[in-house]
Amino acid sequence: MSVVGGAAGPGHNRSAEQLSDDQLQGLTRQHAAKRAKLLEAEKKTKADRMNFDKIIKSDLGATGLANIKLLLDLETPEGEARIKADMERQAMVARWAGLAIGTQGALFDQDRRPVEDRAFDDGKRDGMSGKTLATSHASGTEAYNKYVEGWHAGQAINAAGIRQKPPEAELLRKEGAE
């Protein structure tokens, strides 16, 4: 640290309380000038990066930048763990939504599982969603029976009372508590 008009130089770390008013003002002005240069460089660098991001989108398409970010994330153990966790979460939610995990929907554009399995999953999802018991399957068919079975399974999950405390319950103070 170099101080204007003082004895302290590099390696002589003095606290602000040990500096005279003139020394403190001089050091503050030096730091302000250096910080202003760094902020200007940061603005230019950010503008350059944003302009290059536009080139990436132009060259690689709408997902090009996302692909680059993913690639960079996968080059670190932390990024890889984050990506794996996100993929697991997405697979779970896709399963909840009825997407047949493990199939290649783009190749066939239809769920190739047996109709009874799909009917059960549809019924369970509708039951958990609180929808009315209504199916497009013909009464008396195995698919109809599986849908109804799934719907009741979904209702049973709701009836089990898997509920969390409402957020406002945590915010309210107990009487007499400070």
Protein backbone atom coordinates (compact mmCIF):
# COMPACT_ATOMS: atom_id res chain seq x y z
CA MET A 1 0.00 0.00 0.00
CA SER A 2 1.42 3.39 -0.85
CA VAL A 3 0.38 6.36 1.17
CA VAL A 4 0.64 9.94 -0.03
CA GLY A 5 2.92 12.00 2.21
CA GLY A 6 3.41 9.29 4.86
CA ALA A 7 6.04 6.87 5.99
CA ALA A 8 4.05 3.74 5.16
CA GLY A 9 4.90 1.97 1.93
CA PRO A 10 4.49 -1.53 0.55
CA GLY A 11 4.48 -4.05 3.37
CA HIS A 12 3.68 -1.43 5.97
CA ASN A 13 0.03 -2.14 6.65
CA ARG A 14 -1.35 0.52 8.91
CA SER A 15 -4.96 0.70 9.96
CA ALA A 16 -7.10 3.68 8.98
CA GLU A 17 -7.00 4.84 12.59
CA GLN A 18 -3.20 5.12 12.41
CA LEU A 19 -3.27 7.40 9.35
CA SER A 20 -3.45 11.15 9.46
CA ASP A 21 -6.45 12.84 7.86
CA ASP A 22 -4.35 13.81 4.80
CA GLN A 23 -2.98 10.26 4.47
CA LEU A 24 -6.47 8.78 4.75
CA GLN A 25 -7.81 11.20 2.13
CA GLY A 26 -4.92 10.47 -0.22
CA LEU A 27 -5.31 6.71 0.13
CA THR A 28 -9.08 6.99 -0.36
CA ARG A 29 -8.56 8.98 -3.57
CA GLN A 30 -6.00 6.44 -4.86
CA HIS A 31 -8.40 3.58 -4.19
CA ALA A 32 -11.31 5.51 -5.76
CA ALA A 33 -9.31 6.09 -8.95
CA LYS A 34 -8.23 2.43 -9.16
CA ARG A 35 -11.82 1.25 -8.50
CA ALA A 36 -13.19 3.58 -11.20
CA LYS A 37 -10.72 2.07 -13.72
CA LEU A 38 -11.75 -1.46 -12.69
CA LEU A 39 -15.46 -0.60 -12.99
CA GLU A 40 -14.88 0.81 -16.46
CA ALA A 41 -12.97 -2.32 -17.47
CA GLU A 42 -15.77 -4.45 -16.03
CA LYS A 43 -18.39 -2.55 -18.07
CA LYS A 44 -16.36 -2.99 -21.26
CA THR A 45 -15.79 -6.67 -20.56
CA LYS A 46 -19.49 -7.20 -19.87
CA ALA A 47 -20.45 -5.40 -23.09
CA ASP A 48 -17.91 -7.50 -25.02
CA ARG A 49 -19.32 -10.70 -23.50
CA MET A 50 -22.90 -9.70 -24.30
CA ASN A 51 -21.94 -8.91 -27.89
CA PHE A 52 -20.18 -12.28 -28.18
CA ASP A 53 -23.28 -13.99 -26.74
CA LYS A 54 -25.18 -12.52 -29.71
CA ILE A 55 -22.62 -14.01 -32.09
CA ILE A 56 -22.97 -17.39 -30.36
CA LYS A 57 -26.75 -17.28 -30.78
CA SER A 58 -26.34 -16.29 -34.41
CA ASP A 59 -23.80 -19.06 -35.13
CA LEU A 60 -25.17 -21.87 -32.93
CA GLY A 61 -28.87 -21.06 -32.73
CA ALA A 62 -31.17 -20.28 -29.81
CA THR A 63 -29.74 -23.03 -27.57
CA GLY A 64 -26.07 -22.42 -28.40
CA LEU A 65 -25.36 -20.29 -25.35
CA ALA A 66 -27.18 -22.71 -23.05
CA ASN A 67 -25.14 -25.57 -24.53
CA ILE A 68 -21.90 -23.70 -23.86
CA LYS A 69 -22.92 -22.97 -20.27
CA LEU A 70 -23.84 -26.63 -19.79
CA LEU A 71 -20.52 -27.73 -21.25
CA LEU A 72 -18.61 -25.42 -18.90
CA ASP A 73 -20.66 -26.59 -15.91
CA LEU A 74 -19.87 -30.22 -16.73
CA GLU A 75 -16.14 -29.45 -16.55
CA THR A 76 -16.29 -29.03 -12.76
CA PRO A 77 -17.31 -31.59 -10.12
CA GLU A 78 -19.74 -29.09 -8.57
CA GLY A 79 -21.32 -28.31 -11.93
CA GLU A 80 -21.59 -31.99 -12.79
CA ALA A 81 -23.33 -32.72 -9.47
CA ARG A 82 -25.73 -29.80 -10.04
CA ILE A 83 -26.57 -31.02 -13.57
CA LYS A 84 -27.15 -34.60 -12.38
CA ALA A 85 -29.45 -33.40 -9.60
CA ASP A 86 -31.37 -31.24 -12.06
CA MET A 87 -31.74 -34.16 -14.49
CA GLU A 88 -33.07 -36.38 -11.70
CA ARG A 89 -35.56 -33.69 -10.70
CA GLN A 90 -36.70 -33.26 -14.30
CA ALA A 91 -37.12 -37.03 -14.75
CA MET A 92 -39.20 -37.17 -11.56
CA VAL A 93 -41.49 -34.33 -12.66
CA ALA A 94 -41.75 -35.82 -16.18
CA ARG A 95 -42.80 -39.11 -14.60
CA TRP A 96 -45.41 -37.24 -12.55
CA ALA A 97 -46.70 -35.64 -15.75
CA GLY A 98 -47.09 -39.04 -17.37
CA LEU A 99 -44.11 -38.95 -19.71
CA ALA A 100 -42.96 -42.50 -20.22
CA ILE A 101 -39.42 -42.38 -18.85
CA GLY A 102 -36.98 -44.58 -20.73
CA THR A 103 -38.81 -44.35 -24.04
CA GLN A 104 -37.80 -42.30 -27.01
CA GLY A 105 -40.92 -40.27 -27.59
CA ALA A 106 -39.40 -38.35 -30.48
CA LEU A 107 -39.02 -41.56 -32.47
CA PHE A 108 -42.55 -42.84 -31.99
CA ASP A 109 -44.54 -39.89 -30.58
CA GLN A 110 -46.64 -42.24 -28.51
CA ASP A 111 -46.36 -44.00 -25.18
CA ARG A 112 -45.64 -47.65 -25.94
CA ARG A 113 -46.54 -48.95 -22.48
CA PRO A 114 -49.61 -51.17 -22.16
CA VAL A 115 -52.85 -49.16 -22.10
CA GLU A 116 -53.64 -50.51 -18.63
CA ASP A 117 -50.41 -49.09 -17.20
CA ARG A 118 -51.06 -45.72 -18.80
CA ALA A 119 -54.66 -45.74 -17.56
CA PHE A 120 -53.55 -46.46 -13.99
CA ASP A 121 -50.97 -43.65 -14.07
CA ASP A 122 -53.50 -41.23 -15.61
CA GLY A 123 -56.06 -42.12 -12.95
CA LYS A 124 -53.55 -41.77 -10.11
CA ARG A 125 -52.42 -38.39 -11.41
CA ASP A 126 -56.03 -37.21 -11.78
CA GLY A 127 -56.88 -38.50 -8.30
CA MET A 128 -53.95 -36.65 -6.72
CA SER A 129 -54.92 -33.53 -8.66
CA GLY A 130 -58.42 -33.64 -7.20
CA LYS A 131 -60.12 -34.15 -10.54
CA THR A 132 -63.51 -35.83 -10.79
CA LEU A 133 -63.48 -39.55 -11.53
CA ALA A 134 -64.01 -39.50 -15.29
CA THR A 135 -62.25 -41.60 -17.87
CA SER A 136 -62.45 -41.94 -21.61
CA HIS A 137 -62.03 -45.72 -21.36
CA ALA A 138 -65.11 -47.86 -21.95
CA SER A 139 -66.78 -49.13 -18.80
CA GLY A 140 -65.98 -52.75 -18.07
CA THR A 141 -62.62 -52.76 -19.86
CA GLU A 142 -59.34 -53.46 -18.08
CA ALA A 143 -58.15 -49.94 -18.89
CA TYR A 144 -61.29 -48.49 -17.26
CA ASN A 145 -60.76 -50.61 -14.15
CA LYS A 146 -57.07 -49.62 -13.96
CA TYR A 147 -57.94 -45.92 -14.33
CA VAL A 148 -60.46 -46.17 -11.48
CA GLU A 149 -57.93 -48.09 -9.37
CA GLY A 150 -55.30 -45.41 -10.06
CA TRP A 151 -57.75 -42.60 -9.31
CA HIS A 152 -58.55 -44.15 -5.92
CA ALA A 153 -54.82 -44.59 -5.22
CA GLY A 154 -54.32 -40.87 -5.93
CA GLN A 155 -57.23 -39.96 -3.68
CA ALA A 156 -55.78 -42.17 -0.92
CA ILE A 157 -52.51 -40.27 -1.12
CA ASN A 158 -54.39 -37.00 -0.68
CA ALA A 159 -56.47 -38.44 2.18
CA ALA A 160 -53.30 -39.49 3.99
CA GLY A 161 -52.81 -35.83 4.79
CA ILE A 162 -49.42 -35.08 3.28
CA ARG A 163 -49.60 -31.42 4.12
CA GLN A 164 -47.07 -28.95 5.26
CA LYS A 165 -47.69 -26.12 7.65
CA PRO A 166 -49.04 -23.12 5.79
CA PRO A 167 -46.31 -20.49 5.42
CA GLU A 168 -48.25 -17.98 7.48
CA ALA A 169 -48.25 -20.35 10.49
CA GLU A 170 -44.49 -19.90 10.81
CA LEU A 171 -44.78 -16.14 10.57
CA LEU A 172 -47.33 -15.75 13.34
CA ARG A 173 -45.92 -15.26 16.81
CA LYS A 174 -47.22 -17.27 19.66
CA GLU A 175 -49.02 -15.22 22.24
CA GLY A 176 -46.53 -13.80 24.73
CA ALA A 177 -43.50 -14.63 22.56
CA GLU A 178 -41.17 -11.82 21.63
